[in-house]
Amino acid sequence: MSQVTVISDGEFEKAVYGQNKPVLAYFWAAWCGPCRLVSPSIEALASEYGDRLKVVKLEVDPNPDAVKACQVEGVPALRLFKDHEIVLSHEGAIGKQALFDLLKSHLN
């Protein structure tokens, strides 16, 4: 069972670009109500697809470099990386089934 890895700006490059499988970066904030609704779905996604997908979590306020690099304008936000490129971008709350459906076509 895979876990969501909490990272910071300093770990971003290695955690996201140094992987041989897709990486989903989940951007959130402690003050964000919709983030609290999405977080359990992110955890479920990491558990279900951990063999094919790495999931990382960044809090936006203390990590401005990653926020800027990924052009995050609102939270919750998702960025899916494959081969060092963002291949999927989503901002705003998303239900568990919609999240799974969104990512399914990007996972081997």
PDB file of N, CA and C in Angstrom:
ATOM      1  N   MET A   1       0.843  -1.185   0.000  1.00  0.00           N
ATOM      2  CA  MET A   1       0.000   0.000   0.000  1.00  0.00           C
ATOM      3  C   MET A   1       0.880   1.237   0.000  1.00  0.00           C
ATOM      4  N   SER A   2       0.660   2.099  -0.952  1.00  0.00           N
ATOM      5  CA  SER A   2       1.464   3.297  -1.085  1.00  0.00           C
ATOM      6  C   SER A   2       0.884   4.437  -0.266  1.00  0.00           C
ATOM      7  N   GLN A   3       1.739   5.349   0.103  1.00  0.00           N
ATOM      8  CA  GLN A   3       1.341   6.513   0.875  1.00  0.00           C
ATOM      9  C   GLN A   3       1.551   7.769   0.062  1.00  0.00           C
ATOM     10  N   VAL A   4       0.873   8.818   0.469  1.00  0.00           N
ATOM     11  CA  VAL A   4       1.116  10.132  -0.102  1.00  0.00           C
ATOM     12  C   VAL A   4       2.370  10.668   0.581  1.00  0.00           C
ATOM     13  N   THR A   5       3.326  11.156  -0.212  1.00  0.00           N
ATOM     14  CA  THR A   5       4.569  11.683   0.323  1.00  0.00           C
ATOM     15  C   THR A   5       4.475  13.198   0.440  1.00  0.00           C
ATOM     16  N   VAL A   6       4.666  13.716   1.635  1.00  0.00           N
ATOM     17  CA  VAL A   6       4.655  15.158   1.854  1.00  0.00           C
ATOM     18  C   VAL A   6       6.037  15.691   1.504  1.00  0.00           C
ATOM     19  N   ILE A   7       6.092  16.672   0.594  1.00  0.00           N
ATOM     20  CA  ILE A   7       7.367  17.233   0.174  1.00  0.00           C
ATOM     21  C   ILE A   7       7.339  18.760   0.286  1.00  0.00           C
ATOM     22  N   SER A   8       8.522  19.348   0.098  1.00  0.00           N
ATOM     23  CA  SER A   8       8.660  20.802   0.126  1.00  0.00           C
ATOM     24  C   SER A   8       9.382  21.248  -1.138  1.00  0.00           C
ATOM     25  N   ASP A   9       9.528  22.562  -1.297  1.00  0.00           N
ATOM     26  CA  ASP A   9      10.228  23.097  -2.463  1.00  0.00           C
ATOM     27  C   ASP A   9      11.580  22.421  -2.676  1.00  0.00           C
ATOM     28  N   GLY A  10      12.340  22.234  -1.604  1.00  0.00           N
ATOM     29  CA  GLY A  10      13.674  21.657  -1.709  1.00  0.00           C
ATOM     30  C   GLY A  10      13.700  20.220  -2.194  1.00  0.00           C
ATOM     31  N   GLU A  11      12.608  19.512  -2.015  1.00  0.00           N
ATOM     32  CA  GLU A  11      12.523  18.104  -2.427  1.00  0.00           C
ATOM     33  C   GLU A  11      11.793  17.915  -3.747  1.00  0.00           C
ATOM     34  N   PHE A  12      11.226  18.981  -4.267  1.00  0.00           N
ATOM     35  CA  PHE A  12      10.343  18.888  -5.418  1.00  0.00           C
ATOM     36  C   PHE A  12      11.015  18.247  -6.633  1.00  0.00           C
ATOM     37  N   GLU A  13      12.176  18.750  -7.002  1.00  0.00           N
ATOM     38  CA  GLU A  13      12.824  18.259  -8.221  1.00  0.00           C
ATOM     39  C   GLU A  13      13.088  16.761  -8.164  1.00  0.00           C
ATOM     40  N   LYS A  14      13.665  16.288  -7.078  1.00  0.00           N
ATOM     41  CA  LYS A  14      13.964  14.860  -6.958  1.00  0.00           C
ATOM     42  C   LYS A  14      12.690  14.023  -6.851  1.00  0.00           C
ATOM     43  N   ALA A  15      11.717  14.503  -6.081  1.00  0.00           N
ATOM     44  CA  ALA A  15      10.485  13.739  -5.855  1.00  0.00           C
ATOM     45  C   ALA A  15       9.606  13.665  -7.095  1.00  0.00           C
ATOM     46  N   VAL A  16       9.672  14.686  -7.940  1.00  0.00           N
ATOM     47  CA  VAL A  16       8.796  14.730  -9.116  1.00  0.00           C
ATOM     48  C   VAL A  16       9.538  14.333 -10.385  1.00  0.00           C
ATOM     49  N   TYR A  17      10.668  14.952 -10.630  1.00  0.00           N
ATOM     50  CA  TYR A  17      11.383  14.703 -11.889  1.00  0.00           C
ATOM     51  C   TYR A  17      12.296  13.478 -11.826  1.00  0.00           C
ATOM     52  N   GLY A  18      12.632  13.025 -10.645  1.00  0.00           N
ATOM     53  CA  GLY A  18      13.547  11.895 -10.517  1.00  0.00           C
ATOM     54  C   GLY A  18      12.852  10.558 -10.439  1.00  0.00           C
ATOM     55  N   GLN A  19      11.676  10.430 -11.041  1.00  0.00           N
ATOM     56  CA  GLN A  19      10.888   9.203 -10.944  1.00  0.00           C
ATOM     57  C   GLN A  19      10.754   8.527 -12.302  1.00  0.00           C
ATOM     58  N   ASN A  20      10.579   7.211 -12.268  1.00  0.00           N
ATOM     59  CA  ASN A  20      10.388   6.457 -13.516  1.00  0.00           C
ATOM     60  C   ASN A  20       8.923   6.089 -13.737  1.00  0.00           C
ATOM     61  N   LYS A  21       8.037   6.686 -12.962  1.00  0.00           N
ATOM     62  CA  LYS A  21       6.604   6.500 -13.160  1.00  0.00           C
ATOM     63  C   LYS A  21       5.934   7.865 -13.013  1.00  0.00           C
ATOM     64  N   PRO A  22       4.691   7.993 -13.456  1.00  0.00           N
ATOM     65  CA  PRO A  22       4.002   9.278 -13.333  1.00  0.00           C
ATOM     66  C   PRO A  22       3.932   9.739 -11.871  1.00  0.00           C
ATOM     67  N   VAL A  23       3.938  11.054 -11.695  1.00  0.00           N
ATOM     68  CA  VAL A  23       3.854  11.641 -10.357  1.00  0.00           C
ATOM     69  C   VAL A  23       2.686  12.629 -10.331  1.00  0.00           C
ATOM     70  N   LEU A  24       1.805  12.452  -9.369  1.00  0.00           N
ATOM     71  CA  LEU A  24       0.715  13.387  -9.158  1.00  0.00           C
ATOM     72  C   LEU A  24       1.099  14.296  -7.998  1.00  0.00           C
ATOM     73  N   ALA A  25       1.193  15.599  -8.274  1.00  0.00           N
ATOM     74  CA  ALA A  25       1.460  16.584  -7.229  1.00  0.00           C
ATOM     75  C   ALA A  25       0.130  17.192  -6.808  1.00  0.00           C
ATOM     76  N   TYR A  26      -0.150  17.100  -5.531  1.00  0.00           N
ATOM     77  CA  TYR A  26      -1.385  17.633  -4.952  1.00  0.00           C
ATOM     78  C   TYR A  26      -1.030  18.861  -4.129  1.00  0.00           C
ATOM     79  N   PHE A  27      -1.533  20.012  -4.546  1.00  0.00           N
ATOM     80  CA  PHE A  27      -1.279  21.268  -3.859  1.00  0.00           C
ATOM     81  C   PHE A  27      -2.490  21.605  -2.989  1.00  0.00           C
ATOM     82  N   TRP A  28      -2.241  21.956  -1.737  1.00  0.00           N
ATOM     83  CA  TRP A  28      -3.315  22.180  -0.786  1.00  0.00           C
ATOM     84  C   TRP A  28      -2.933  23.297   0.191  1.00  0.00           C
ATOM     85  N   ALA A  29      -3.887  23.691   1.016  1.00  0.00           N
ATOM     86  CA  ALA A  29      -3.644  24.677   2.065  1.00  0.00           C
ATOM     87  C   ALA A  29      -4.469  24.308   3.293  1.00  0.00           C
ATOM     88  N   ALA A  30      -3.916  24.581   4.470  1.00  0.00           N
ATOM     89  CA  ALA A  30      -4.601  24.255   5.726  1.00  0.00           C
ATOM     90  C   ALA A  30      -5.915  25.021   5.864  1.00  0.00           C
ATOM     91  N   TRP A  31      -5.989  26.201   5.310  1.00  0.00           N
ATOM     92  CA  TRP A  31      -7.175  27.052   5.421  1.00  0.00           C
ATOM     93  C   TRP A  31      -8.230  26.746   4.347  1.00  0.00           C
ATOM     94  N   CYS A  32      -7.970  25.775   3.485  1.00  0.00           N
ATOM     95  CA  CYS A  32      -8.820  25.486   2.324  1.00  0.00           C
ATOM     96  C   CYS A  32      -9.833  24.383   2.644  1.00  0.00           C
ATOM     97  N   GLY A  33     -11.109  24.757   2.723  1.00  0.00           N
ATOM     98  CA  GLY A  33     -12.171  23.781   2.979  1.00  0.00           C
ATOM     99  C   GLY A  33     -12.259  22.694   1.919  1.00  0.00           C
ATOM    100  N   PRO A  34     -12.290  23.052   0.622  1.00  0.00           N
ATOM    101  CA  PRO A  34     -12.348  22.018  -0.411  1.00  0.00           C
ATOM    102  C   PRO A  34     -11.154  21.050  -0.366  1.00  0.00           C
ATOM    103  N   CYS A  35      -9.996  21.530   0.116  1.00  0.00           N
ATOM    104  CA  CYS A  35      -8.830  20.640   0.228  1.00  0.00           C
ATOM    105  C   CYS A  35      -9.108  19.509   1.214  1.00  0.00           C
ATOM    106  N   ARG A  36      -9.818  19.830   2.290  1.00  0.00           N
ATOM    107  CA  ARG A  36     -10.157  18.806   3.280  1.00  0.00           C
ATOM    108  C   ARG A  36     -11.107  17.764   2.683  1.00  0.00           C
ATOM    109  N   LEU A  37     -11.905  18.166   1.729  1.00  0.00           N
ATOM    110  CA  LEU A  37     -12.816  17.227   1.067  1.00  0.00           C
ATOM    111  C   LEU A  37     -12.085  16.332   0.063  1.00  0.00           C
ATOM    112  N   VAL A  38     -11.076  16.878  -0.596  1.00  0.00           N
ATOM    113  CA  VAL A  38     -10.347  16.150  -1.638  1.00  0.00           C
ATOM    114  C   VAL A  38      -9.287  15.208  -1.054  1.00  0.00           C
ATOM    115  N   SER A  39      -8.708  15.568   0.084  1.00  0.00           N
ATOM    116  CA  SER A  39      -7.598  14.793   0.653  1.00  0.00           C
ATOM    117  C   SER A  39      -7.866  13.289   0.793  1.00  0.00           C
ATOM    118  N   PRO A  40      -9.036  12.857   1.284  1.00  0.00           N
ATOM    119  CA  PRO A  40      -9.272  11.408   1.374  1.00  0.00           C
ATOM    120  C   PRO A  40      -9.239  10.711   0.009  1.00  0.00           C
ATOM    121  N   SER A  41      -9.678  11.403  -1.027  1.00  0.00           N
ATOM    122  CA  SER A  41      -9.638  10.816  -2.378  1.00  0.00           C
ATOM    123  C   SER A  41      -8.203  10.687  -2.867  1.00  0.00           C
ATOM    124  N   ILE A  42      -7.361  11.645  -2.509  1.00  0.00           N
ATOM    125  CA  ILE A  42      -5.950  11.589  -2.879  1.00  0.00           C
ATOM    126  C   ILE A  42      -5.291  10.407  -2.188  1.00  0.00           C
ATOM    127  N   GLU A  43      -5.600  10.212  -0.910  1.00  0.00           N
ATOM    128  CA  GLU A  43      -5.069   9.061  -0.155  1.00  0.00           C
ATOM    129  C   GLU A  43      -5.527   7.742  -0.788  1.00  0.00           C
ATOM    130  N   ALA A  44      -6.792   7.661  -1.169  1.00  0.00           N
ATOM    131  CA  ALA A  44      -7.332   6.450  -1.791  1.00  0.00           C
ATOM    132  C   ALA A  44      -6.644   6.181  -3.129  1.00  0.00           C
ATOM    133  N   LEU A  45      -6.402   7.234  -3.880  1.00  0.00           N
ATOM    134  CA  LEU A  45      -5.717   7.111  -5.164  1.00  0.00           C
ATOM    135  C   LEU A  45      -4.301   6.553  -4.970  1.00  0.00           C
ATOM    136  N   ALA A  46      -3.595   7.076  -3.981  1.00  0.00           N
ATOM    137  CA  ALA A  46      -2.235   6.603  -3.690  1.00  0.00           C
ATOM    138  C   ALA A  46      -2.245   5.134  -3.292  1.00  0.00           C
ATOM    139  N   SER A  47      -3.240   4.732  -2.537  1.00  0.00           N
ATOM    140  CA  SER A  47      -3.340   3.327  -2.121  1.00  0.00           C
ATOM    141  C   SER A  47      -3.645   2.415  -3.295  1.00  0.00           C
ATOM    142  N   GLU A  48      -4.575   2.824  -4.135  1.00  0.00           N
ATOM    143  CA  GLU A  48      -5.006   1.981  -5.242  1.00  0.00           C
ATOM    144  C   GLU A  48      -3.995   1.900  -6.384  1.00  0.00           C
ATOM    145  N   TYR A  49      -3.367   3.019  -6.709  1.00  0.00           N
ATOM    146  CA  TYR A  49      -2.483   3.073  -7.876  1.00  0.00           C
ATOM    147  C   TYR A  49      -1.014   3.261  -7.519  1.00  0.00           C
ATOM    148  N   GLY A  50      -0.650   3.013  -6.279  1.00  0.00           N
ATOM    149  CA  GLY A  50       0.721   3.224  -5.821  1.00  0.00           C
ATOM    150  C   GLY A  50       1.778   2.470  -6.607  1.00  0.00           C
ATOM    151  N   ASP A  51       1.404   1.359  -7.225  1.00  0.00           N
ATOM    152  CA  ASP A  51       2.369   0.607  -8.030  1.00  0.00           C
ATOM    153  C   ASP A  51       2.653   1.295  -9.364  1.00  0.00           C
ATOM    154  N   ARG A  52       1.736   2.167  -9.810  1.00  0.00           N
ATOM    155  CA  ARG A  52       1.885   2.824 -11.112  1.00  0.00           C
ATOM    156  C   ARG A  52       1.998   4.342 -11.022  1.00  0.00           C
ATOM    157  N   LEU A  53       1.839   4.882  -9.811  1.00  0.00           N
ATOM    158  CA  LEU A  53       1.759   6.326  -9.643  1.00  0.00           C
ATOM    159  C   LEU A  53       2.348   6.728  -8.298  1.00  0.00           C
ATOM    160  N   LYS A  54       3.199   7.739  -8.308  1.00  0.00           N
ATOM    161  CA  LYS A  54       3.683   8.315  -7.055  1.00  0.00           C
ATOM    162  C   LYS A  54       2.847   9.561  -6.788  1.00  0.00           C
ATOM    163  N   VAL A  55       2.396   9.720  -5.546  1.00  0.00           N
ATOM    164  CA  VAL A  55       1.585  10.876  -5.175  1.00  0.00           C
ATOM    165  C   VAL A  55       2.344  11.690  -4.135  1.00  0.00           C
ATOM    166  N   VAL A  56       2.538  12.972  -4.454  1.00  0.00           N
ATOM    167  CA  VAL A  56       3.196  13.881  -3.521  1.00  0.00           C
ATOM    168  C   VAL A  56       2.240  15.002  -3.163  1.00  0.00           C
ATOM    169  N   LYS A  57       2.448  15.575  -1.984  1.00  0.00           N
ATOM    170  CA  LYS A  57       1.549  16.590  -1.452  1.00  0.00           C
ATOM    171  C   LYS A  57       2.384  17.781  -1.005  1.00  0.00           C
ATOM    172  N   LEU A  58       1.990  18.975  -1.456  1.00  0.00           N
ATOM    173  CA  LEU A  58       2.692  20.192  -1.069  1.00  0.00           C
ATOM    174  C   LEU A  58       1.709  21.212  -0.528  1.00  0.00           C
ATOM    175  N   GLU A  59       2.029  21.782   0.610  1.00  0.00           N
ATOM    176  CA  GLU A  59       1.230  22.883   1.139  1.00  0.00           C
ATOM    177  C   GLU A  59       1.680  24.148   0.414  1.00  0.00           C
ATOM    178  N   VAL A  60       0.751  24.908  -0.124  1.00  0.00           N
ATOM    179  CA  VAL A  60       1.102  26.025  -1.006  1.00  0.00           C
ATOM    180  C   VAL A  60       1.833  27.165  -0.300  1.00  0.00           C
ATOM    181  N   ASP A  61       1.400  27.547   0.884  1.00  0.00           N
ATOM    182  CA  ASP A  61       1.972  28.730   1.528  1.00  0.00           C
ATOM    183  C   ASP A  61       3.483  28.629   1.802  1.00  0.00           C
ATOM    184  N   PRO A  62       3.995  27.522   2.346  1.00  0.00           N
ATOM    185  CA  PRO A  62       5.438  27.444   2.584  1.00  0.00           C
ATOM    186  C   PRO A  62       6.261  26.977   1.374  1.00  0.00           C
ATOM    187  N   ASN A  63       5.629  26.756   0.232  1.00  0.00           N
ATOM    188  CA  ASN A  63       6.334  26.223  -0.938  1.00  0.00           C
ATOM    189  C   ASN A  63       6.058  27.051  -2.200  1.00  0.00           C
ATOM    190  N   PRO A  64       6.422  28.326  -2.193  1.00  0.00           N
ATOM    191  CA  PRO A  64       6.089  29.200  -3.326  1.00  0.00           C
ATOM    192  C   PRO A  64       6.815  28.847  -4.620  1.00  0.00           C
ATOM    193  N   ASP A  65       7.989  28.229  -4.531  1.00  0.00           N
ATOM    194  CA  ASP A  65       8.735  27.898  -5.752  1.00  0.00           C
ATOM    195  C   ASP A  65       8.005  26.851  -6.589  1.00  0.00           C
ATOM    196  N   ALA A  66       7.538  25.785  -5.952  1.00  0.00           N
ATOM    197  CA  ALA A  66       6.800  24.735  -6.673  1.00  0.00           C
ATOM    198  C   ALA A  66       5.468  25.275  -7.177  1.00  0.00           C
ATOM    199  N   VAL A  67       4.820  26.109  -6.375  1.00  0.00           N
ATOM    200  CA  VAL A  67       3.543  26.721  -6.778  1.00  0.00           C
ATOM    201  C   VAL A  67       3.750  27.535  -8.054  1.00  0.00           C
ATOM    202  N   LYS A  68       4.802  28.323  -8.082  1.00  0.00           N
ATOM    203  CA  LYS A  68       5.091  29.147  -9.255  1.00  0.00           C
ATOM    204  C   LYS A  68       5.460  28.280 -10.463  1.00  0.00           C
ATOM    205  N   ALA A  69       6.330  27.304 -10.253  1.00  0.00           N
ATOM    206  CA  ALA A  69       6.779  26.443 -11.349  1.00  0.00           C
ATOM    207  C   ALA A  69       5.613  25.682 -11.982  1.00  0.00           C
ATOM    208  N   CYS A  70       4.631  25.320 -11.172  1.00  0.00           N
ATOM    209  CA  CYS A  70       3.477  24.547 -11.661  1.00  0.00           C
ATOM    210  C   CYS A  70       2.284  25.434 -11.986  1.00  0.00           C
ATOM    211  N   GLN A  71       2.461  26.731 -11.890  1.00  0.00           N
ATOM    212  CA  GLN A  71       1.415  27.699 -12.218  1.00  0.00           C
ATOM    213  C   GLN A  71       0.106  27.406 -11.481  1.00  0.00           C
ATOM    214  N   VAL A  72       0.226  27.149 -10.196  1.00  0.00           N
ATOM    215  CA  VAL A  72      -0.948  26.905  -9.357  1.00  0.00           C
ATOM    216  C   VAL A  72      -1.572  28.246  -9.009  1.00  0.00           C
ATOM    217  N   GLU A  73      -2.833  28.400  -9.350  1.00  0.00           N
ATOM    218  CA  GLU A  73      -3.533  29.657  -9.085  1.00  0.00           C
ATOM    219  C   GLU A  73      -4.603  29.512  -8.010  1.00  0.00           C
ATOM    220  N   GLY A  74      -4.995  28.297  -7.706  1.00  0.00           N
ATOM    221  CA  GLY A  74      -5.997  28.054  -6.679  1.00  0.00           C
ATOM    222  C   GLY A  74      -5.832  26.657  -6.120  1.00  0.00           C
ATOM    223  N   VAL A  75      -6.381  26.427  -4.943  1.00  0.00           N
ATOM    224  CA  VAL A  75      -6.299  25.110  -4.316  1.00  0.00           C
ATOM    225  C   VAL A  75      -7.701  24.590  -4.021  1.00  0.00           C
ATOM    226  N   PRO A  76      -7.861  23.286  -3.991  1.00  0.00           N
ATOM    227  CA  PRO A  76      -6.871  22.263  -4.288  1.00  0.00           C
ATOM    228  C   PRO A  76      -6.492  22.255  -5.768  1.00  0.00           C
ATOM    229  N   ALA A  77      -5.253  21.844  -6.016  1.00  0.00           N
ATOM    230  CA  ALA A  77      -4.757  21.771  -7.395  1.00  0.00           C
ATOM    231  C   ALA A  77      -4.012  20.463  -7.596  1.00  0.00           C
ATOM    232  N   LEU A  78      -4.117  19.937  -8.799  1.00  0.00           N
ATOM    233  CA  LEU A  78      -3.432  18.698  -9.171  1.00  0.00           C
ATOM    234  C   LEU A  78      -2.597  18.949 -10.412  1.00  0.00           C
ATOM    235  N   ARG A  79      -1.389  18.387 -10.424  1.00  0.00           N
ATOM    236  CA  ARG A  79      -0.542  18.409 -11.604  1.00  0.00           C
ATOM    237  C   ARG A  79       0.027  17.001 -11.766  1.00  0.00           C
ATOM    238  N   LEU A  80      -0.206  16.415 -12.929  1.00  0.00           N
ATOM    239  CA  LEU A  80       0.318  15.084 -13.214  1.00  0.00           C
ATOM    240  C   LEU A  80       1.528  15.229 -14.120  1.00  0.00           C
ATOM    241  N   PHE A  81       2.638  14.686 -13.676  1.00  0.00           N
ATOM    242  CA  PHE A  81       3.895  14.754 -14.425  1.00  0.00           C
ATOM    243  C   PHE A  81       4.218  13.396 -15.032  1.00  0.00           C
ATOM    244  N   LYS A  82       4.610  13.422 -16.288  1.00  0.00           N
ATOM    245  CA  LYS A  82       5.120  12.240 -16.992  1.00  0.00           C
ATOM    246  C   LYS A  82       6.324  12.709 -17.788  1.00  0.00           C
ATOM    247  N   ASP A  83       7.436  12.032 -17.633  1.00  0.00           N
ATOM    248  CA  ASP A  83       8.651  12.379 -18.374  1.00  0.00           C
ATOM    249  C   ASP A  83       8.979  13.867 -18.251  1.00  0.00           C
ATOM    250  N   HIS A  84       8.958  14.374 -17.028  1.00  0.00           N
ATOM    251  CA  HIS A  84       9.368  15.747 -16.712  1.00  0.00           C
ATOM    252  C   HIS A  84       8.416  16.814 -17.247  1.00  0.00           C
ATOM    253  N   GLU A  85       7.223  16.450 -17.679  1.00  0.00           N
ATOM    254  CA  GLU A  85       6.269  17.425 -18.206  1.00  0.00           C
ATOM    255  C   GLU A  85       4.920  17.271 -17.524  1.00  0.00           C
ATOM    256  N   ILE A  86       4.212  18.393 -17.395  1.00  0.00           N
ATOM    257  CA  ILE A  86       2.850  18.348 -16.873  1.00  0.00           C
ATOM    258  C   ILE A  86       1.942  17.883 -18.007  1.00  0.00           C
ATOM    259  N   VAL A  87       1.282  16.753 -17.792  1.00  0.00           N
ATOM    260  CA  VAL A  87       0.391  16.201 -18.817  1.00  0.00           C
ATOM    261  C   VAL A  87      -1.076  16.361 -18.447  1.00  0.00           C
ATOM    262  N   LEU A  88      -1.332  16.746 -17.203  1.00  0.00           N
ATOM    263  CA  LEU A  88      -2.696  16.957 -16.756  1.00  0.00           C
ATOM    264  C   LEU A  88      -2.685  17.995 -15.646  1.00  0.00           C
ATOM    265  N   SER A  89      -3.650  18.889 -15.702  1.00  0.00           N
ATOM    266  CA  SER A  89      -3.741  19.954 -14.719  1.00  0.00           C
ATOM    267  C   SER A  89      -5.204  20.110 -14.313  1.00  0.00           C
ATOM    268  N   HIS A  90      -5.446  20.238 -13.010  1.00  0.00           N
ATOM    269  CA  HIS A  90      -6.816  20.426 -12.522  1.00  0.00           C
ATOM    270  C   HIS A  90      -6.770  21.297 -11.280  1.00  0.00           C
ATOM    271  N   GLU A  91      -7.692  22.246 -11.198  1.00  0.00           N
ATOM    272  CA  GLU A  91      -7.816  23.062  -9.998  1.00  0.00           C
ATOM    273  C   GLU A  91      -9.258  23.047  -9.541  1.00  0.00           C
ATOM    274  N   GLY A  92      -9.442  23.027  -8.228  1.00  0.00           N
ATOM    275  CA  GLY A  92     -10.774  22.999  -7.638  1.00  0.00           C
ATOM    276  C   GLY A  92     -11.100  21.625  -7.084  1.00  0.00           C
ATOM    277  N   ALA A  93     -12.168  21.589  -6.312  1.00  0.00           N
ATOM    278  CA  ALA A  93     -12.591  20.326  -5.698  1.00  0.00           C
ATOM    279  C   ALA A  93     -12.985  19.326  -6.781  1.00  0.00           C
ATOM    280  N   ILE A  94     -12.742  18.062  -6.476  1.00  0.00           N
ATOM    281  CA  ILE A  94     -13.087  16.978  -7.396  1.00  0.00           C
ATOM    282  C   ILE A  94     -13.465  15.762  -6.564  1.00  0.00           C
ATOM    283  N   GLY A  95     -14.526  15.082  -6.960  1.00  0.00           N
ATOM    284  CA  GLY A  95     -14.966  13.880  -6.257  1.00  0.00           C
ATOM    285  C   GLY A  95     -14.046  12.704  -6.541  1.00  0.00           C
ATOM    286  N   LYS A  96     -14.142  11.701  -5.699  1.00  0.00           N
ATOM    287  CA  LYS A  96     -13.266  10.531  -5.819  1.00  0.00           C
ATOM    288  C   LYS A  96     -13.396   9.847  -7.178  1.00  0.00           C
ATOM    289  N   GLN A  97     -14.613   9.563  -7.621  1.00  0.00           N
ATOM    290  CA  GLN A  97     -14.781   8.866  -8.899  1.00  0.00           C
ATOM    291  C   GLN A  97     -14.284   9.720 -10.057  1.00  0.00           C
ATOM    292  N   ALA A  98     -14.573  11.015 -10.018  1.00  0.00           N
ATOM    293  CA  ALA A  98     -14.107  11.920 -11.074  1.00  0.00           C
ATOM    294  C   ALA A  98     -12.581  11.977 -11.097  1.00  0.00           C
ATOM    295  N   LEU A  99     -11.963  11.963  -9.928  1.00  0.00           N
ATOM    296  CA  LEU A  99     -10.498  11.967  -9.830  1.00  0.00           C
ATOM    297  C   LEU A  99      -9.922  10.702 -10.457  1.00  0.00           C
ATOM    298  N   PHE A 100     -10.469   9.557 -10.104  1.00  0.00           N
ATOM    299  CA  PHE A 100      -9.996   8.287 -10.651  1.00  0.00           C
ATOM    300  C   PHE A 100     -10.180   8.256 -12.166  1.00  0.00           C
ATOM    301  N   ASP A 101     -11.342   8.722 -12.638  1.00  0.00           N
ATOM    302  CA  ASP A 101     -11.612   8.740 -14.080  1.00  0.00           C
ATOM    303  C   ASP A 101     -10.651   9.672 -14.809  1.00  0.00           C
ATOM    304  N   LEU A 102     -10.341  10.806 -14.199  1.00  0.00           N
ATOM    305  CA  LEU A 102      -9.444  11.790 -14.784  1.00  0.00           C
ATOM    306  C   LEU A 102      -8.045  11.204 -15.021  1.00  0.00           C
ATOM    307  N   LEU A 103      -7.584  10.404 -14.074  1.00  0.00           N
ATOM    308  CA  LEU A 103      -6.211   9.880 -14.122  1.00  0.00           C
ATOM    309  C   LEU A 103      -6.081   8.545 -14.843  1.00  0.00           C
ATOM    310  N   LYS A 104      -7.154   7.816 -14.943  1.00  0.00           N
ATOM    311  CA  LYS A 104      -7.114   6.440 -15.471  1.00  0.00           C
ATOM    312  C   LYS A 104      -6.387   6.337 -16.818  1.00  0.00           C
ATOM    313  N   SER A 105      -6.673   7.229 -17.724  1.00  0.00           N
ATOM    314  CA  SER A 105      -6.078   7.137 -19.070  1.00  0.00           C
ATOM    315  C   SER A 105      -4.582   7.451 -19.086  1.00  0.00           C
ATOM    316  N   HIS A 106      -4.072   8.046 -18.012  1.00  0.00           N
ATOM    317  CA  HIS A 106      -2.658   8.392 -17.942  1.00  0.00           C
ATOM    318  C   HIS A 106      -1.810   7.335 -17.247  1.00  0.00           C
ATOM    319  N   LEU A 107      -2.456   6.308 -16.714  1.00  0.00           N
ATOM    320  CA  LEU A 107      -1.734   5.278 -15.967  1.00  0.00           C
ATOM    321  C   LEU A 107      -1.626   4.011 -16.804  1.00  0.00           C
ATOM    322  N   ASN A 108      -0.459   3.420 -16.792  1.00  0.00           N
ATOM    323  CA  ASN A 108      -0.218   2.195 -17.566  1.00  0.00           C
ATOM    324  C   ASN A 108      -0.859   0.997 -16.896  1.00  0.00           C
TER     325      ASN A 108
END
